[in-house]
Amino acid sequence: MITLRLEHAISDFDLWKSAFDRDPVGREQLGVRAHRVFRPLDDPNYIAVDLEFDSSADAERFHVALGQLWRSKQAAPALMGTAQVRIVETVESVQY
């Protein structure tokens, strides 16, 4: 499994989540198979998102689309600063 993991500061979680839920980039059409949203318990103005893909090429295409999206204050109204983005591969997954 290939995961695009992104993290960034936000100004307002509800505003960010509303924009995320509108899905202006078209996650499913760009190959996202699943996503998870995280927020640190000690920082309500920071989020992390894992987006799962079948291939690294799909994840790279999505990364390019995100860059275009983030330039739009209307589509990404609550973003602050620069996002950290990494494309990672699952090498082990164990549930207890």
C-alpha atoms as a PDB file:
ATOM      1  CA  MET A   1       0.000   0.000   0.000  1.00  0.00           C
ATOM      2  CA  ILE A   2       1.240   3.477  -0.914  1.00  0.00           C
ATOM      3  CA  THR A   3       0.318   6.377   1.364  1.00  0.00           C
ATOM      4  CA  LEU A   4       0.610  10.083   0.769  1.00  0.00           C
ATOM      5  CA  ARG A   5       1.031  11.526   4.256  1.00  0.00           C
ATOM      6  CA  LEU A   6       0.549  15.261   4.650  1.00  0.00           C
ATOM      7  CA  GLU A   7       0.724  17.508   7.677  1.00  0.00           C
ATOM      8  CA  HIS A   8       0.108  21.205   8.061  1.00  0.00           C
ATOM      9  CA  ALA A   9      -0.970  23.969  10.380  1.00  0.00           C
ATOM     10  CA  ILE A  10      -4.495  25.298  10.013  1.00  0.00           C
ATOM     11  CA  SER A  11      -6.280  28.366  11.324  1.00  0.00           C
ATOM     12  CA  ASP A  12      -9.648  26.718  12.022  1.00  0.00           C
ATOM     13  CA  PHE A  13     -10.404  22.988  12.077  1.00  0.00           C
ATOM     14  CA  ASP A  14     -14.111  23.288  11.248  1.00  0.00           C
ATOM     15  CA  LEU A  15     -13.368  25.555   8.269  1.00  0.00           C
ATOM     16  CA  TRP A  16     -10.601  23.206   7.071  1.00  0.00           C
ATOM     17  CA  LYS A  17     -12.802  20.115   7.513  1.00  0.00           C
ATOM     18  CA  SER A  18     -15.661  21.709   5.606  1.00  0.00           C
ATOM     19  CA  ALA A  19     -13.315  22.422   2.674  1.00  0.00           C
ATOM     20  CA  PHE A  20     -11.843  18.905   2.905  1.00  0.00           C
ATOM     21  CA  ASP A  21     -15.321  17.356   2.857  1.00  0.00           C
ATOM     22  CA  ARG A  22     -16.244  19.343  -0.285  1.00  0.00           C
ATOM     23  CA  ASP A  23     -13.351  17.449  -1.937  1.00  0.00           C
ATOM     24  CA  PRO A  24     -12.407  20.139  -4.494  1.00  0.00           C
ATOM     25  CA  VAL A  25      -9.519  18.052  -5.831  1.00  0.00           C
ATOM     26  CA  GLY A  26     -11.617  14.915  -6.505  1.00  0.00           C
ATOM     27  CA  ARG A  27      -9.895  12.308  -4.341  1.00  0.00           C
ATOM     28  CA  GLU A  28     -11.628   9.216  -5.718  1.00  0.00           C
ATOM     29  CA  GLN A  29     -11.120  10.248  -9.346  1.00  0.00           C
ATOM     30  CA  LEU A  30      -7.402  10.737  -8.639  1.00  0.00           C
ATOM     31  CA  GLY A  31      -6.983   7.248  -7.201  1.00  0.00           C
ATOM     32  CA  VAL A  32      -7.436   7.690  -3.454  1.00  0.00           C
ATOM     33  CA  ARG A  33      -8.663   4.380  -2.005  1.00  0.00           C
ATOM     34  CA  ALA A  34      -9.047   5.509   1.629  1.00  0.00           C
ATOM     35  CA  HIS A  35      -8.121   8.400   3.887  1.00  0.00           C
ATOM     36  CA  ARG A  36      -7.608   9.055   7.584  1.00  0.00           C
ATOM     37  CA  VAL A  37      -7.537  12.466   9.279  1.00  0.00           C
ATOM     38  CA  PHE A  38      -5.551  13.021  12.486  1.00  0.00           C
ATOM     39  CA  ARG A  39      -5.320  15.958  14.866  1.00  0.00           C
ATOM     40  CA  PRO A  40      -2.845  16.143  17.742  1.00  0.00           C
ATOM     41  CA  LEU A  41      -4.497  16.194  21.152  1.00  0.00           C
ATOM     42  CA  ASP A  42      -2.290  19.100  22.189  1.00  0.00           C
ATOM     43  CA  ASP A  43      -2.673  21.212  19.015  1.00  0.00           C
ATOM     44  CA  PRO A  44      -6.160  21.732  17.571  1.00  0.00           C
ATOM     45  CA  ASN A  45      -4.671  23.912  14.810  1.00  0.00           C
ATOM     46  CA  TYR A  46      -2.657  21.155  13.152  1.00  0.00           C
ATOM     47  CA  ILE A  47      -3.790  18.220  11.033  1.00  0.00           C
ATOM     48  CA  ALA A  48      -2.272  15.139   9.452  1.00  0.00           C
ATOM     49  CA  VAL A  49      -3.924  13.197   6.652  1.00  0.00           C
ATOM     50  CA  ASP A  50      -3.048   9.780   5.226  1.00  0.00           C
ATOM     51  CA  LEU A  51      -4.355   9.072   1.716  1.00  0.00           C
ATOM     52  CA  GLU A  52      -3.962   5.522   0.391  1.00  0.00           C
ATOM     53  CA  PHE A  53      -3.231   4.657  -3.252  1.00  0.00           C
ATOM     54  CA  ASP A  54      -2.615   1.552  -5.345  1.00  0.00           C
ATOM     55  CA  SER A  55       0.585   2.977  -6.841  1.00  0.00           C
ATOM     56  CA  SER A  56       3.263   5.590  -6.248  1.00  0.00           C
ATOM     57  CA  ALA A  57       2.423   7.111  -9.658  1.00  0.00           C
ATOM     58  CA  ASP A  58      -1.143   7.760  -8.465  1.00  0.00           C
ATOM     59  CA  ALA A  59       0.191   9.331  -5.255  1.00  0.00           C
ATOM     60  CA  GLU A  60       2.565  11.563  -7.240  1.00  0.00           C
ATOM     61  CA  ARG A  61      -0.273  12.743  -9.505  1.00  0.00           C
ATOM     62  CA  PHE A  62      -2.348  13.555  -6.436  1.00  0.00           C
ATOM     63  CA  HIS A  63       0.559  15.478  -4.907  1.00  0.00           C
ATOM     64  CA  VAL A  64       0.714  17.675  -8.022  1.00  0.00           C
ATOM     65  CA  ALA A  65      -3.061  18.273  -7.828  1.00  0.00           C
ATOM     66  CA  LEU A  66      -2.732  19.219  -4.149  1.00  0.00           C
ATOM     67  CA  GLY A  67      -0.124  21.836  -5.005  1.00  0.00           C
ATOM     68  CA  GLN A  68      -2.549  23.457  -7.421  1.00  0.00           C
ATOM     69  CA  LEU A  69      -5.374  23.271  -4.880  1.00  0.00           C
ATOM     70  CA  TRP A  70      -3.321  24.835  -2.093  1.00  0.00           C
ATOM     71  CA  ARG A  71      -2.700  27.937  -4.206  1.00  0.00           C
ATOM     72  CA  SER A  72      -6.429  28.713  -4.009  1.00  0.00           C
ATOM     73  CA  LYS A  73      -7.525  30.457  -0.823  1.00  0.00           C
ATOM     74  CA  GLN A  74     -11.149  29.654  -1.700  1.00  0.00           C
ATOM     75  CA  ALA A  75     -10.525  25.919  -2.047  1.00  0.00           C
ATOM     76  CA  ALA A  76      -8.092  25.753   0.894  1.00  0.00           C
ATOM     77  CA  PRO A  77      -9.234  28.577   3.202  1.00  0.00           C
ATOM     78  CA  ALA A  78      -7.764  27.480   6.540  1.00  0.00           C
ATOM     79  CA  LEU A  79      -4.231  26.470   5.556  1.00  0.00           C
ATOM     80  CA  MET A  80      -1.302  28.158   7.251  1.00  0.00           C
ATOM     81  CA  GLY A  81       2.337  27.854   6.310  1.00  0.00           C
ATOM     82  CA  THR A  82       3.784  25.111   4.171  1.00  0.00           C
ATOM     83  CA  ALA A  83       2.606  21.516   4.246  1.00  0.00           C
ATOM     84  CA  GLN A  84       4.934  18.592   4.764  1.00  0.00           C
ATOM     85  CA  VAL A  85       4.190  15.833   2.266  1.00  0.00           C
ATOM     86  CA  ARG A  86       5.766  12.401   2.030  1.00  0.00           C
ATOM     87  CA  ILE A  87       4.857   9.385  -0.036  1.00  0.00           C
ATOM     88  CA  VAL A  88       5.490   6.257   2.009  1.00  0.00           C
ATOM     89  CA  GLU A  89       5.107   2.528   1.507  1.00  0.00           C
ATOM     90  CA  THR A  90       3.611   0.220   4.112  1.00  0.00           C
ATOM     91  CA  VAL A  91       6.224  -2.352   5.033  1.00  0.00           C
ATOM     92  CA  GLU A  92       4.402  -3.818   8.018  1.00  0.00           C
ATOM     93  CA  SER A  93       0.961  -3.522   9.577  1.00  0.00           C
ATOM     94  CA  VAL A  94       0.064  -5.407  12.755  1.00  0.00           C
ATOM     95  CA  GLN A  95      -3.125  -5.115  14.754  1.00  0.00           C
ATOM     96  CA  TYR A  96      -3.380  -6.092  18.428  1.00  0.00           C
END
